[in-house]
Amino acid sequence: MKKLLILSGKGGTGKTTTAAAFIDFSKTKGFADCDVDAPNLHLVAGVKTDPKKGVFMVRKKL
């Protein structure tokens, strides 16, 4: 399994569009949009159902 992380960058630089392109090219079955302000990757990626929402818990590095 390969993973891709698109992280940081000024707003409007195309992070969501780039992520959607990789999703389409790779025919992936799962992805996560962890944008705190506007998680809208499901709109660009063409998802027809409502996205699943959940709580993400992080633990401190050891």
Protein backbone atom coordinates (compact mmCIF):
# COMPACT_ATOMS: atom_id res chain seq x y z
CA MET A 1 0.00 0.00 0.00
CA LYS A 2 1.37 3.40 -0.95
CA LYS A 3 0.51 6.60 0.86
CA LEU A 4 0.63 10.20 -0.33
CA LEU A 5 0.42 13.27 1.89
CA ILE A 6 -0.12 16.74 0.49
CA LEU A 7 0.74 19.09 3.31
CA SER A 8 0.71 22.83 3.87
CA GLY A 9 0.80 25.61 1.33
CA LYS A 10 -0.92 28.92 0.84
CA GLY A 11 -4.63 28.84 0.12
CA GLY A 12 -5.50 28.68 -3.57
CA THR A 13 -2.34 26.89 -4.67
CA GLY A 14 -4.13 23.78 -5.91
CA LYS A 15 -3.57 21.30 -3.09
CA THR A 16 -7.13 19.93 -3.28
CA THR A 17 -7.06 19.78 -7.09
CA THR A 18 -3.72 17.96 -7.04
CA ALA A 19 -5.01 15.48 -4.46
CA ALA A 20 -8.15 14.86 -6.54
CA ALA A 21 -6.01 14.20 -9.62
CA PHE A 22 -3.92 11.61 -7.74
CA ILE A 23 -7.11 9.99 -6.44
CA ASP A 24 -8.47 9.73 -9.97
CA PHE A 25 -5.21 8.48 -11.53
CA SER A 26 -4.67 5.81 -8.88
CA LYS A 27 -8.32 4.68 -8.71
CA THR A 28 -7.99 4.69 -4.92
CA LYS A 29 -10.88 3.51 -2.80
CA GLY A 30 -10.19 5.61 0.28
CA PHE A 31 -8.87 9.05 1.09
CA ALA A 32 -9.08 11.59 3.89
CA ASP A 33 -9.39 15.36 3.76
CA CYS A 34 -8.03 16.65 7.06
CA ASP A 35 -8.43 20.33 6.25
CA VAL A 36 -9.64 22.01 9.44
CA ASP A 37 -11.22 25.05 7.77
CA ALA A 38 -12.82 23.62 4.64
CA PRO A 39 -12.67 19.85 4.03
CA ASN A 40 -14.04 19.83 0.49
CA LEU A 41 -11.97 17.19 -1.31
CA HIS A 42 -15.08 15.03 -1.66
CA LEU A 43 -16.59 17.71 -3.92
CA VAL A 44 -13.63 17.80 -6.30
CA ALA A 45 -13.07 14.02 -6.21
CA GLY A 46 -16.64 13.41 -7.40
CA VAL A 47 -17.90 11.45 -4.39
CA LYS A 48 -21.65 10.93 -4.74
CA THR A 49 -22.40 10.02 -1.10
CA ASP A 50 -22.02 12.09 2.05
CA PRO A 51 -18.52 11.80 3.49
CA LYS A 52 -18.04 9.84 6.71
CA LYS A 53 -16.99 12.04 9.58
CA GLY A 54 -15.14 10.96 12.67
CA VAL A 55 -12.83 12.05 15.43
CA PHE A 56 -9.09 11.75 14.86
CA MET A 57 -7.09 11.19 18.03
CA VAL A 58 -3.37 11.99 18.12
CA ARG A 59 -0.92 10.92 20.75
CA LYS A 60 2.33 12.62 21.64
CA LYS A 61 5.55 11.33 20.13
CA LEU A 62 7.59 9.21 22.48
